[in-house]
Amino acid sequence: MLDQPIIQQHSPTSLGYLPAHFSEANSALIQALALAASQHILRDEDSSITPEVAHQVARTLISADCDARTLMIFFLSLLDATERQTFAPLVQDPELLEAAHSVSIIRLLSAKDHPKHLPIRKVLLRQLVLKATHDVRVILIKIAGRLVTLRHAGEHHWDLELRQRLAHEALDVVVPWCDALGLDSWRQELQELSFRYLNPAGYAYVLSLVRDQRDHLHAVRDQVIQELSQLLARHGIQAQVSGRVKTHFAIYRKMTAYELSFDEVWDRLGIRILTKTVFDCYYAQMAIEEELYPERHRFVDYIENRAPLSLPIAASDGQRPARHPGGNPDSHL
């Protein structure tokens, strides 16, 4: 039962972006926390964010299907320790308060930080993350925050050096978190934004090369997905088929790493087939090779030869389990 005096004290206008499936009680608590966080930010002259940015982070978390408790952790993390304790009777979960504390102490680079000793700072940051939390929601919140910062870095009067420092940290620290958690869309967006700030000329060059082919590549992707879906259905294989066009960052990285021209980068599309079992994974691979692409024989078995990931974080609530060696029950090509 919510404490009505506290809710009424922090009673903002409705947050229109909250999903309809959130319970009325959870929505009311999130709105109260959001208003308290906004008031705290406005009082804190040293705050590196604004209330508007906080709501953008919340929307980003919702876009990734994060639950109501993740939003509670985020807004709680924007309060000081005393203010968090005010909401403790409403939250009624010490784990949420502990997670909020972890979010507050794990600081990524901000506009007010000095670039001194950045390499050492990155090592210390990784160690702090592993020591401070085993709750995947903490990492999700930090990734969403950095994503929002880079999305709007061009709107601020920050010099190029600062934008590049933020982009470097995103590639060196935040992108590996996305890899470990399977957050492909966030990883790709972080790479694209970082690429734009770190190498404007390279970004513009690849953009000019891909611009005229983007619609064609999307059409080819859709055609391949349709062909694969029909093939798997004929063989009775239950699977999810998805695809993406290679990002500008990925194309440029391959061109520079292998000294290729744009025309020599053949794998501009990526297709993923997610099956229910390992057997279906191998079965799908055999069917594709025999019926659709019999001339191609290159096959790397990532099921048999798993590469260890560097961030073995486990979710505490079962909402979004982290990927780790041996921890993914599904198999994919």
C-alpha atoms as a PDB file:
ATOM      1  CA  MET A   1       0.000   0.000   0.000  1.00  0.00           C
ATOM      2  CA  LEU A   2       1.480   3.349  -1.071  1.00  0.00           C
ATOM      3  CA  ASP A   3       2.044   6.029   1.544  1.00  0.00           C
ATOM      4  CA  GLN A   4      -0.396   8.683   0.262  1.00  0.00           C
ATOM      5  CA  PRO A   5       1.151  11.701   2.088  1.00  0.00           C
ATOM      6  CA  ILE A   6       4.518  11.061   0.431  1.00  0.00           C
ATOM      7  CA  ILE A   7       2.911  10.426  -2.959  1.00  0.00           C
ATOM      8  CA  GLN A   8       0.873  13.629  -2.671  1.00  0.00           C
ATOM      9  CA  GLN A   9       3.968  15.580  -1.661  1.00  0.00           C
ATOM     10  CA  HIS A  10       5.667  14.452  -4.883  1.00  0.00           C
ATOM     11  CA  SER A  11       2.678  14.470  -7.215  1.00  0.00           C
ATOM     12  CA  PRO A  12       3.735  15.468 -10.730  1.00  0.00           C
ATOM     13  CA  THR A  13       1.665  15.647 -13.849  1.00  0.00           C
ATOM     14  CA  SER A  14       1.300  12.266 -15.506  1.00  0.00           C
ATOM     15  CA  LEU A  15       4.358  10.903 -17.326  1.00  0.00           C
ATOM     16  CA  GLY A  16       2.814  10.160 -20.691  1.00  0.00           C
ATOM     17  CA  TYR A  17       5.617   7.840 -21.785  1.00  0.00           C
ATOM     18  CA  LEU A  18       5.016   5.185 -19.093  1.00  0.00           C
ATOM     19  CA  PRO A  19       3.779   1.917 -20.675  1.00  0.00           C
ATOM     20  CA  ALA A  20       0.120   1.037 -20.184  1.00  0.00           C
ATOM     21  CA  HIS A  21       1.028  -2.374 -18.758  1.00  0.00           C
ATOM     22  CA  PHE A  22       2.710  -0.815 -15.716  1.00  0.00           C
ATOM     23  CA  SER A  23       0.444  -1.218 -12.691  1.00  0.00           C
ATOM     24  CA  GLU A  24      -1.280   1.871 -11.311  1.00  0.00           C
ATOM     25  CA  ALA A  25       0.724   1.604  -8.079  1.00  0.00           C
ATOM     26  CA  ASN A  26       4.067   1.320  -9.905  1.00  0.00           C
ATOM     27  CA  SER A  27       3.213   4.236 -12.213  1.00  0.00           C
ATOM     28  CA  ALA A  28       2.273   6.412  -9.242  1.00  0.00           C
ATOM     29  CA  LEU A  29       5.531   5.610  -7.455  1.00  0.00           C
ATOM     30  CA  ILE A  30       7.626   6.216 -10.593  1.00  0.00           C
ATOM     31  CA  GLN A  31       5.969   9.595 -11.105  1.00  0.00           C
ATOM     32  CA  ALA A  32       6.650  10.573  -7.501  1.00  0.00           C
ATOM     33  CA  LEU A  33      10.285   9.500  -7.822  1.00  0.00           C
ATOM     34  CA  ALA A  34      10.619  11.367 -11.127  1.00  0.00           C
ATOM     35  CA  LEU A  35       9.393  14.623  -9.581  1.00  0.00           C
ATOM     36  CA  ALA A  36      11.644  14.210  -6.534  1.00  0.00           C
ATOM     37  CA  ALA A  37      14.606  13.559  -8.853  1.00  0.00           C
ATOM     38  CA  SER A  38      13.790  16.642 -10.943  1.00  0.00           C
ATOM     39  CA  GLN A  39      13.590  18.809  -7.828  1.00  0.00           C
ATOM     40  CA  HIS A  40      16.931  17.435  -6.592  1.00  0.00           C
ATOM     41  CA  ILE A  41      18.612  18.101  -9.947  1.00  0.00           C
ATOM     42  CA  LEU A  42      17.362  21.692 -10.016  1.00  0.00           C
ATOM     43  CA  ARG A  43      18.666  22.306  -6.485  1.00  0.00           C
ATOM     44  CA  ASP A  44      22.080  20.772  -7.220  1.00  0.00           C
ATOM     45  CA  GLU A  45      24.278  23.348  -8.933  1.00  0.00           C
ATOM     46  CA  ASP A  46      26.901  20.682  -9.676  1.00  0.00           C
ATOM     47  CA  SER A  47      24.489  18.313 -11.399  1.00  0.00           C
ATOM     48  CA  SER A  48      25.742  17.157 -14.802  1.00  0.00           C
ATOM     49  CA  ILE A  49      22.233  16.431 -16.141  1.00  0.00           C
ATOM     50  CA  THR A  50      18.895  18.204 -16.431  1.00  0.00           C
ATOM     51  CA  PRO A  51      15.382  16.914 -15.694  1.00  0.00           C
ATOM     52  CA  GLU A  52      14.772  16.723 -19.450  1.00  0.00           C
ATOM     53  CA  VAL A  53      17.810  14.467 -19.911  1.00  0.00           C
ATOM     54  CA  ALA A  54      16.639  12.253 -17.039  1.00  0.00           C
ATOM     55  CA  HIS A  55      13.302  11.708 -18.781  1.00  0.00           C
ATOM     56  CA  GLN A  56      15.097  10.921 -22.045  1.00  0.00           C
ATOM     57  CA  VAL A  57      17.081   8.218 -20.233  1.00  0.00           C
ATOM     58  CA  ALA A  58      13.839   6.831 -18.805  1.00  0.00           C
ATOM     59  CA  ARG A  59      12.309   6.702 -22.294  1.00  0.00           C
ATOM     60  CA  THR A  60      15.415   4.937 -23.602  1.00  0.00           C
ATOM     61  CA  LEU A  61      15.107   2.292 -20.882  1.00  0.00           C
ATOM     62  CA  ILE A  62      11.443   1.787 -21.745  1.00  0.00           C
ATOM     63  CA  SER A  63      12.340   1.369 -25.430  1.00  0.00           C
ATOM     64  CA  ALA A  64      14.498  -1.599 -24.376  1.00  0.00           C
ATOM     65  CA  ASP A  65      11.518  -3.194 -22.548  1.00  0.00           C
ATOM     66  CA  CYS A  66      12.936  -2.500 -19.108  1.00  0.00           C
ATOM     67  CA  ASP A  67      10.448  -3.045 -16.308  1.00  0.00           C
ATOM     68  CA  ALA A  68       8.970  -0.591 -13.797  1.00  0.00           C
ATOM     69  CA  ARG A  69      11.491  -1.514 -11.111  1.00  0.00           C
ATOM     70  CA  THR A  70      14.376  -0.524 -13.414  1.00  0.00           C
ATOM     71  CA  LEU A  71      12.843   2.945 -13.764  1.00  0.00           C
ATOM     72  CA  MET A  72      12.467   3.125  -9.993  1.00  0.00           C
ATOM     73  CA  ILE A  73      16.165   2.336  -9.584  1.00  0.00           C
ATOM     74  CA  PHE A  74      17.080   5.005 -12.114  1.00  0.00           C
ATOM     75  CA  PHE A  75      15.102   7.819 -10.491  1.00  0.00           C
ATOM     76  CA  LEU A  76      16.194   6.717  -7.004  1.00  0.00           C
ATOM     77  CA  SER A  77      19.826   6.932  -8.148  1.00  0.00           C
ATOM     78  CA  LEU A  78      19.343  10.649  -8.879  1.00  0.00           C
ATOM     79  CA  LEU A  79      18.489  11.332  -5.216  1.00  0.00           C
ATOM     80  CA  ASP A  80      20.902  11.601  -2.316  1.00  0.00           C
ATOM     81  CA  ALA A  81      21.013   8.964   0.421  1.00  0.00           C
ATOM     82  CA  THR A  82      18.651  10.853   2.738  1.00  0.00           C
ATOM     83  CA  GLU A  83      16.044  11.359   0.030  1.00  0.00           C
ATOM     84  CA  ARG A  84      16.219   7.684  -0.926  1.00  0.00           C
ATOM     85  CA  GLN A  85      15.401   6.703   2.629  1.00  0.00           C
ATOM     86  CA  THR A  86      12.254   8.844   2.417  1.00  0.00           C
ATOM     87  CA  PHE A  87      11.005   6.503  -0.291  1.00  0.00           C
ATOM     88  CA  ALA A  88      12.210   3.293   1.410  1.00  0.00           C
ATOM     89  CA  PRO A  89       8.761   2.545   2.945  1.00  0.00           C
ATOM     90  CA  LEU A  90       7.228   2.807  -0.519  1.00  0.00           C
ATOM     91  CA  VAL A  91       9.857   0.815  -2.376  1.00  0.00           C
ATOM     92  CA  GLN A  92       9.890  -1.956   0.269  1.00  0.00           C
ATOM     93  CA  ASP A  93      12.828  -3.663  -1.424  1.00  0.00           C
ATOM     94  CA  PRO A  94      16.395  -3.200  -0.133  1.00  0.00           C
ATOM     95  CA  GLU A  95      17.750  -4.550  -3.437  1.00  0.00           C
ATOM     96  CA  LEU A  96      16.321  -1.588  -5.325  1.00  0.00           C
ATOM     97  CA  LEU A  97      17.906   0.877  -2.914  1.00  0.00           C
ATOM     98  CA  GLU A  98      21.235  -0.952  -3.151  1.00  0.00           C
ATOM     99  CA  ALA A  99      21.060  -0.950  -6.947  1.00  0.00           C
ATOM    100  CA  ALA A 100      20.268   2.774  -6.948  1.00  0.00           C
ATOM    101  CA  HIS A 101      23.323   3.378  -4.751  1.00  0.00           C
ATOM    102  CA  SER A 102      25.473   1.391  -7.218  1.00  0.00           C
ATOM    103  CA  VAL A 103      24.197   3.488 -10.122  1.00  0.00           C
ATOM    104  CA  SER A 104      25.046   6.675  -8.236  1.00  0.00           C
ATOM    105  CA  ILE A 105      28.652   5.687  -7.472  1.00  0.00           C
ATOM    106  CA  ILE A 106      29.523   4.297 -10.921  1.00  0.00           C
ATOM    107  CA  ARG A 107      30.305   7.479 -12.816  1.00  0.00           C
ATOM    108  CA  LEU A 108      31.026   7.614 -16.486  1.00  0.00           C
ATOM    109  CA  LEU A 109      32.898  10.547 -17.951  1.00  0.00           C
ATOM    110  CA  SER A 110      30.977  13.834 -17.852  1.00  0.00           C
ATOM    111  CA  ALA A 111      31.440  17.264 -19.374  1.00  0.00           C
ATOM    112  CA  LYS A 112      33.001  18.539 -16.147  1.00  0.00           C
ATOM    113  CA  ASP A 113      35.687  15.865 -15.850  1.00  0.00           C
ATOM    114  CA  HIS A 114      39.329  16.533 -16.649  1.00  0.00           C
ATOM    115  CA  PRO A 115      40.887  14.200 -19.267  1.00  0.00           C
ATOM    116  CA  LYS A 116      43.903  13.451 -17.048  1.00  0.00           C
ATOM    117  CA  HIS A 117      44.774   9.767 -16.538  1.00  0.00           C
ATOM    118  CA  LEU A 118      41.889   8.505 -18.712  1.00  0.00           C
ATOM    119  CA  PRO A 119      43.487   5.098 -19.424  1.00  0.00           C
ATOM    120  CA  ILE A 120      43.871   4.433 -15.692  1.00  0.00           C
ATOM    121  CA  ARG A 121      40.322   5.635 -15.116  1.00  0.00           C
ATOM    122  CA  LYS A 122      38.926   3.102 -17.602  1.00  0.00           C
ATOM    123  CA  VAL A 123      40.591   0.222 -15.784  1.00  0.00           C
ATOM    124  CA  LEU A 124      39.328   1.453 -12.423  1.00  0.00           C
ATOM    125  CA  LEU A 125      35.832   1.893 -13.852  1.00  0.00           C
ATOM    126  CA  ARG A 126      35.679  -1.710 -15.047  1.00  0.00           C
ATOM    127  CA  GLN A 127      36.865  -2.948 -11.651  1.00  0.00           C
ATOM    128  CA  LEU A 128      34.305  -0.772  -9.871  1.00  0.00           C
ATOM    129  CA  VAL A 129      31.462  -2.145 -11.979  1.00  0.00           C
ATOM    130  CA  LEU A 130      32.368  -5.739 -11.193  1.00  0.00           C
ATOM    131  CA  LYS A 131      32.770  -5.032  -7.472  1.00  0.00           C
ATOM    132  CA  ALA A 132      29.804  -2.713  -6.997  1.00  0.00           C
ATOM    133  CA  THR A 133      27.017  -4.678  -8.596  1.00  0.00           C
ATOM    134  CA  HIS A 134      25.731  -8.043  -9.747  1.00  0.00           C
ATOM    135  CA  ASP A 135      22.444  -6.480 -10.862  1.00  0.00           C
ATOM    136  CA  VAL A 136      22.218  -6.129 -14.627  1.00  0.00           C
ATOM    137  CA  ARG A 137      19.740  -3.246 -14.294  1.00  0.00           C
ATOM    138  CA  VAL A 138      22.537  -1.027 -12.980  1.00  0.00           C
ATOM    139  CA  ILE A 139      24.515  -1.534 -16.184  1.00  0.00           C
ATOM    140  CA  LEU A 140      21.425  -0.986 -18.343  1.00  0.00           C
ATOM    141  CA  ILE A 141      20.886   2.391 -16.713  1.00  0.00           C
ATOM    142  CA  LYS A 142      24.509   3.460 -17.225  1.00  0.00           C
ATOM    143  CA  ILE A 143      24.401   2.420 -20.896  1.00  0.00           C
ATOM    144  CA  ALA A 144      21.131   4.296 -21.475  1.00  0.00           C
ATOM    145  CA  GLY A 145      22.611   7.394 -19.863  1.00  0.00           C
ATOM    146  CA  ARG A 146      25.675   7.384 -22.085  1.00  0.00           C
ATOM    147  CA  LEU A 147      23.517   6.746 -25.155  1.00  0.00           C
ATOM    148  CA  VAL A 148      21.380   9.802 -24.414  1.00  0.00           C
ATOM    149  CA  THR A 149      24.503  11.919 -23.799  1.00  0.00           C
ATOM    150  CA  LEU A 150      26.002  11.024 -27.179  1.00  0.00           C
ATOM    151  CA  ARG A 151      22.690  11.471 -28.993  1.00  0.00           C
ATOM    152  CA  HIS A 152      22.578  15.108 -27.918  1.00  0.00           C
ATOM    153  CA  ALA A 153      26.298  15.896 -27.723  1.00  0.00           C
ATOM    154  CA  GLY A 154      26.043  17.855 -30.960  1.00  0.00           C
ATOM    155  CA  GLU A 155      23.403  20.155 -29.442  1.00  0.00           C
ATOM    156  CA  HIS A 156      25.702  21.297 -26.635  1.00  0.00           C
ATOM    157  CA  HIS A 157      28.458  23.854 -26.960  1.00  0.00           C
ATOM    158  CA  TRP A 158      31.077  21.231 -26.175  1.00  0.00           C
ATOM    159  CA  ASP A 159      34.362  21.354 -27.992  1.00  0.00           C
ATOM    160  CA  LEU A 160      35.483  18.524 -30.244  1.00  0.00           C
ATOM    161  CA  GLU A 161      37.975  17.237 -27.659  1.00  0.00           C
ATOM    162  CA  LEU A 162      35.243  16.642 -25.092  1.00  0.00           C
ATOM    163  CA  ARG A 163      32.975  14.894 -27.583  1.00  0.00           C
ATOM    164  CA  GLN A 164      35.844  12.646 -28.608  1.00  0.00           C
ATOM    165  CA  ARG A 165      36.652  11.805 -24.979  1.00  0.00           C
ATOM    166  CA  LEU A 166      33.019  10.774 -24.439  1.00  0.00           C
ATOM    167  CA  ALA A 167      33.068   8.754 -27.651  1.00  0.00           C
ATOM    168  CA  HIS A 168      36.335   7.012 -26.729  1.00  0.00           C
ATOM    169  CA  GLU A 169      34.909   5.950 -23.375  1.00  0.00           C
ATOM    170  CA  ALA A 170      31.748   4.699 -25.078  1.00  0.00           C
ATOM    171  CA  LEU A 171      33.775   2.439 -27.382  1.00  0.00           C
ATOM    172  CA  ASP A 172      36.249   1.299 -24.730  1.00  0.00           C
ATOM    173  CA  VAL A 173      33.874   0.766 -21.785  1.00  0.00           C
ATOM    174  CA  VAL A 174      30.189   0.954 -22.688  1.00  0.00           C
ATOM    175  CA  VAL A 175      30.144  -0.978 -25.981  1.00  0.00           C
ATOM    176  CA  PRO A 176      31.688  -4.079 -24.302  1.00  0.00           C
ATOM    177  CA  TRP A 177      28.852  -3.938 -21.763  1.00  0.00           C
ATOM    178  CA  CYS A 178      26.380  -4.017 -24.662  1.00  0.00           C
ATOM    179  CA  ASP A 179      28.216  -6.995 -26.172  1.00  0.00           C
ATOM    180  CA  ALA A 180      28.077  -8.878 -22.886  1.00  0.00           C
ATOM    181  CA  LEU A 181      24.357  -8.203 -22.438  1.00  0.00           C
ATOM    182  CA  GLY A 182      23.302  -8.829 -26.033  1.00  0.00           C
ATOM    183  CA  LEU A 183      22.104  -5.227 -26.554  1.00  0.00           C
ATOM    184  CA  ASP A 184      22.821  -5.135 -30.271  1.00  0.00           C
ATOM    185  CA  SER A 185      20.744  -2.068 -31.189  1.00  0.00           C
ATOM    186  CA  TRP A 186      22.280   0.035 -28.401  1.00  0.00           C
ATOM    187  CA  ARG A 187      25.775  -1.210 -29.306  1.00  0.00           C
ATOM    188  CA  GLN A 188      25.327  -0.256 -32.956  1.00  0.00           C
ATOM    189  CA  GLU A 189      23.973   3.198 -32.114  1.00  0.00           C
ATOM    190  CA  LEU A 190      26.837   3.867 -29.685  1.00  0.00           C
ATOM    191  CA  GLN A 191      29.356   2.818 -32.335  1.00  0.00           C
ATOM    192  CA  GLU A 192      27.724   5.020 -34.964  1.00  0.00           C
ATOM    193  CA  LEU A 193      27.608   8.072 -32.708  1.00  0.00           C
ATOM    194  CA  SER A 194      31.181   7.537 -31.526  1.00  0.00           C
ATOM    195  CA  PHE A 195      32.375   7.082 -35.110  1.00  0.00           C
ATOM    196  CA  ARG A 196      30.718  10.380 -36.092  1.00  0.00           C
ATOM    197  CA  TYR A 197      32.573  12.304 -33.366  1.00  0.00           C
ATOM    198  CA  LEU A 198      35.926  10.510 -33.544  1.00  0.00           C
ATOM    199  CA  ASN A 199      36.277  10.507 -37.318  1.00  0.00           C
ATOM    200  CA  PRO A 200      33.922  13.003 -38.973  1.00  0.00           C
ATOM    201  CA  ALA A 201      35.663  12.712 -42.339  1.00  0.00           C
ATOM    202  CA  GLY A 202      35.549   8.906 -42.325  1.00  0.00           C
ATOM    203  CA  TYR A 203      31.907   8.937 -41.270  1.00  0.00           C
ATOM    204  CA  ALA A 204      30.949  11.359 -44.048  1.00  0.00           C
ATOM    205  CA  TYR A 205      32.899   9.281 -46.589  1.00  0.00           C
ATOM    206  CA  VAL A 206      31.157   6.007 -45.743  1.00  0.00           C
ATOM    207  CA  LEU A 207      27.804   7.783 -45.520  1.00  0.00           C
ATOM    208  CA  SER A 208      28.244   9.067 -49.063  1.00  0.00           C
ATOM    209  CA  LEU A 209      29.104   5.558 -50.305  1.00  0.00           C
ATOM    210  CA  VAL A 210      26.181   3.844 -48.608  1.00  0.00           C
ATOM    211  CA  ARG A 211      23.501   6.503 -49.103  1.00  0.00           C
ATOM    212  CA  ASP A 212      22.525   5.417 -52.618  1.00  0.00           C
ATOM    213  CA  GLN A 213      22.555   1.716 -51.714  1.00  0.00           C
ATOM    214  CA  ARG A 214      20.663   1.837 -48.416  1.00  0.00           C
ATOM    215  CA  ASP A 215      17.201   1.182 -49.886  1.00  0.00           C
ATOM    216  CA  HIS A 216      18.555  -1.638 -52.064  1.00  0.00           C
ATOM    217  CA  LEU A 217      20.285  -3.278 -49.102  1.00  0.00           C
ATOM    218  CA  HIS A 218      17.088  -3.133 -47.036  1.00  0.00           C
ATOM    219  CA  ALA A 219      15.185  -4.742 -49.929  1.00  0.00           C
ATOM    220  CA  VAL A 220      17.769  -7.528 -50.210  1.00  0.00           C
ATOM    221  CA  ARG A 221      17.627  -8.074 -46.441  1.00  0.00           C
ATOM    222  CA  ASP A 222      13.856  -8.451 -46.532  1.00  0.00           C
ATOM    223  CA  GLN A 223      14.067 -10.854 -49.467  1.00  0.00           C
ATOM    224  CA  VAL A 224      16.666 -13.043 -47.714  1.00  0.00           C
ATOM    225  CA  ILE A 225      14.595 -13.102 -44.509  1.00  0.00           C
ATOM    226  CA  GLN A 226      11.537 -14.199 -46.504  1.00  0.00           C
ATOM    227  CA  GLU A 227      13.464 -16.969 -48.316  1.00  0.00           C
ATOM    228  CA  LEU A 228      14.986 -18.263 -45.088  1.00  0.00           C
ATOM    229  CA  SER A 229      11.650 -18.186 -43.252  1.00  0.00           C
ATOM    230  CA  GLN A 230       9.996 -20.196 -46.001  1.00  0.00           C
ATOM    231  CA  LEU A 231      12.869 -22.703 -46.051  1.00  0.00           C
ATOM    232  CA  LEU A 232      12.787 -23.234 -42.290  1.00  0.00           C
ATOM    233  CA  ALA A 233       8.999 -23.609 -42.348  1.00  0.00           C
ATOM    234  CA  ARG A 234       9.264 -26.339 -45.011  1.00  0.00           C
ATOM    235  CA  HIS A 235      11.651 -28.246 -42.750  1.00  0.00           C
ATOM    236  CA  GLY A 236       9.516 -27.732 -39.656  1.00  0.00           C
ATOM    237  CA  ILE A 237      12.215 -25.709 -37.869  1.00  0.00           C
ATOM    238  CA  GLN A 238      10.884 -23.203 -35.342  1.00  0.00           C
ATOM    239  CA  ALA A 239      13.076 -20.117 -35.497  1.00  0.00           C
ATOM    240  CA  GLN A 240      13.117 -16.333 -35.470  1.00  0.00           C
ATOM    241  CA  VAL A 241      14.788 -14.765 -38.496  1.00  0.00           C
ATOM    242  CA  SER A 242      15.980 -11.167 -38.371  1.00  0.00           C
ATOM    243  CA  GLY A 243      18.480  -9.077 -40.244  1.00  0.00           C
ATOM    244  CA  ARG A 244      20.274  -5.761 -40.338  1.00  0.00           C
ATOM    245  CA  VAL A 245      22.283  -3.645 -42.720  1.00  0.00           C
ATOM    246  CA  LYS A 246      25.896  -3.268 -41.626  1.00  0.00           C
ATOM    247  CA  THR A 247      26.468   0.050 -39.901  1.00  0.00           C
ATOM    248  CA  HIS A 248      28.766   2.776 -41.220  1.00  0.00           C
ATOM    249  CA  PHE A 249      31.111   2.093 -38.302  1.00  0.00           C
ATOM    250  CA  ALA A 250      31.307  -1.627 -39.123  1.00  0.00           C
ATOM    251  CA  ILE A 251      31.920  -0.989 -42.826  1.00  0.00           C
ATOM    252  CA  TYR A 252      34.684   1.530 -42.146  1.00  0.00           C
ATOM    253  CA  ARG A 253      36.283  -0.708 -39.525  1.00  0.00           C
ATOM    254  CA  LYS A 254      36.413  -3.597 -42.003  1.00  0.00           C
ATOM    255  CA  MET A 255      37.760  -1.390 -44.785  1.00  0.00           C
ATOM    256  CA  THR A 256      40.601  -0.119 -42.604  1.00  0.00           C
ATOM    257  CA  ALA A 257      41.359  -3.407 -40.830  1.00  0.00           C
ATOM    258  CA  TYR A 258      41.668  -5.410 -44.054  1.00  0.00           C
ATOM    259  CA  GLU A 259      42.686  -2.551 -46.400  1.00  0.00           C
ATOM    260  CA  LEU A 260      39.595  -3.050 -48.558  1.00  0.00           C
ATOM    261  CA  SER A 261      37.751  -0.716 -50.857  1.00  0.00           C
ATOM    262  CA  PHE A 262      34.039  -0.237 -50.304  1.00  0.00           C
ATOM    263  CA  ASP A 263      33.229  -2.520 -53.256  1.00  0.00           C
ATOM    264  CA  GLU A 264      35.335  -5.281 -51.653  1.00  0.00           C
ATOM    265  CA  VAL A 265      33.203  -5.318 -48.492  1.00  0.00           C
ATOM    266  CA  TRP A 266      30.751  -8.062 -49.418  1.00  0.00           C
ATOM    267  CA  ASP A 267      29.072  -8.722 -46.082  1.00  0.00           C
ATOM    268  CA  ARG A 268      27.020  -5.536 -45.881  1.00  0.00           C
ATOM    269  CA  LEU A 269      24.090  -7.502 -44.496  1.00  0.00           C
ATOM    270  CA  GLY A 270      23.803  -9.574 -41.346  1.00  0.00           C
ATOM    271  CA  ILE A 271      21.122 -12.240 -40.891  1.00  0.00           C
ATOM    272  CA  ARG A 272      20.385 -13.946 -37.569  1.00  0.00           C
ATOM    273  CA  ILE A 273      18.438 -17.183 -37.168  1.00  0.00           C
ATOM    274  CA  LEU A 274      17.495 -17.905 -33.574  1.00  0.00           C
ATOM    275  CA  THR A 275      16.417 -21.523 -33.011  1.00  0.00           C
ATOM    276  CA  LYS A 276      14.938 -23.359 -30.041  1.00  0.00           C
ATOM    277  CA  THR A 277      17.591 -26.068 -29.810  1.00  0.00           C
ATOM    278  CA  VAL A 278      21.195 -26.737 -30.805  1.00  0.00           C
ATOM    279  CA  PHE A 279      19.981 -29.565 -33.060  1.00  0.00           C
ATOM    280  CA  ASP A 280      17.703 -27.162 -34.960  1.00  0.00           C
ATOM    281  CA  CYS A 281      20.606 -24.759 -35.305  1.00  0.00           C
ATOM    282  CA  TYR A 282      22.759 -27.370 -37.102  1.00  0.00           C
ATOM    283  CA  TYR A 283      19.734 -28.609 -39.047  1.00  0.00           C
ATOM    284  CA  ALA A 284      19.002 -25.079 -40.281  1.00  0.00           C
ATOM    285  CA  GLN A 285      22.614 -24.587 -41.283  1.00  0.00           C
ATOM    286  CA  MET A 286      22.596 -27.798 -43.319  1.00  0.00           C
ATOM    287  CA  ALA A 287      19.303 -26.925 -45.032  1.00  0.00           C
ATOM    288  CA  ILE A 288      20.550 -23.456 -45.960  1.00  0.00           C
ATOM    289  CA  GLU A 289      23.824 -24.756 -47.364  1.00  0.00           C
ATOM    290  CA  GLU A 290      22.175 -27.514 -49.387  1.00  0.00           C
ATOM    291  CA  GLU A 291      19.173 -25.634 -50.772  1.00  0.00           C
ATOM    292  CA  LEU A 292      20.019 -21.943 -50.906  1.00  0.00           C
ATOM    293  CA  TYR A 293      23.787 -21.559 -50.974  1.00  0.00           C
ATOM    294  CA  PRO A 294      25.341 -24.884 -52.022  1.00  0.00           C
ATOM    295  CA  GLU A 295      28.481 -23.166 -53.371  1.00  0.00           C
ATOM    296  CA  ARG A 296      29.410 -21.686 -49.977  1.00  0.00           C
ATOM    297  CA  HIS A 297      31.236 -23.994 -47.577  1.00  0.00           C
ATOM    298  CA  ARG A 298      32.718 -21.633 -44.981  1.00  0.00           C
ATOM    299  CA  PHE A 299      31.237 -22.398 -41.580  1.00  0.00           C
ATOM    300  CA  VAL A 300      32.539 -21.302 -38.188  1.00  0.00           C
ATOM    301  CA  ASP A 301      31.074 -23.313 -35.319  1.00  0.00           C
ATOM    302  CA  TYR A 302      30.605 -20.831 -32.475  1.00  0.00           C
ATOM    303  CA  ILE A 303      28.530 -23.333 -30.503  1.00  0.00           C
ATOM    304  CA  GLU A 304      31.380 -25.806 -30.228  1.00  0.00           C
ATOM    305  CA  ASN A 305      34.032 -23.112 -29.862  1.00  0.00           C
ATOM    306  CA  ARG A 306      32.583 -20.483 -27.578  1.00  0.00           C
ATOM    307  CA  ALA A 307      34.566 -17.343 -26.960  1.00  0.00           C
ATOM    308  CA  PRO A 308      34.445 -16.239 -23.309  1.00  0.00           C
ATOM    309  CA  LEU A 309      32.815 -12.896 -22.623  1.00  0.00           C
ATOM    310  CA  SER A 310      34.390 -10.367 -20.313  1.00  0.00           C
ATOM    311  CA  LEU A 311      31.412  -9.279 -18.213  1.00  0.00           C
ATOM    312  CA  PRO A 312      29.809 -12.231 -16.350  1.00  0.00           C
ATOM    313  CA  ILE A 313      26.907 -10.322 -14.773  1.00  0.00           C
ATOM    314  CA  ALA A 314      23.736 -12.130 -13.736  1.00  0.00           C
ATOM    315  CA  ALA A 315      20.297 -10.566 -13.480  1.00  0.00           C
ATOM    316  CA  SER A 316      18.770 -10.694 -10.037  1.00  0.00           C
ATOM    317  CA  ASP A 317      15.122 -10.550 -11.104  1.00  0.00           C
ATOM    318  CA  GLY A 318      15.065 -12.753 -14.185  1.00  0.00           C
ATOM    319  CA  GLN A 319      13.835  -9.894 -16.358  1.00  0.00           C
ATOM    320  CA  ARG A 320      16.848  -9.646 -18.653  1.00  0.00           C
ATOM    321  CA  PRO A 321      19.521 -12.304 -18.105  1.00  0.00           C
ATOM    322  CA  ALA A 322      23.027 -11.433 -19.106  1.00  0.00           C
ATOM    323  CA  ARG A 323      24.819 -13.427 -21.756  1.00  0.00           C
ATOM    324  CA  HIS A 324      27.746 -15.436 -20.468  1.00  0.00           C
ATOM    325  CA  PRO A 325      29.550 -18.663 -21.497  1.00  0.00           C
ATOM    326  CA  GLY A 326      27.104 -21.517 -21.311  1.00  0.00           C
ATOM    327  CA  GLY A 327      24.300 -19.266 -20.108  1.00  0.00           C
ATOM    328  CA  ASN A 328      22.265 -18.800 -23.305  1.00  0.00           C
ATOM    329  CA  PRO A 329      19.702 -21.586 -23.791  1.00  0.00           C
ATOM    330  CA  ASP A 330      19.046 -20.591 -27.390  1.00  0.00           C
ATOM    331  CA  SER A 331      21.298 -21.166 -30.345  1.00  0.00           C
ATOM    332  CA  HIS A 332      21.753 -18.965 -33.355  1.00  0.00           C
ATOM    333  CA  LEU A 333      23.478 -18.964 -36.699  1.00  0.00           C
END
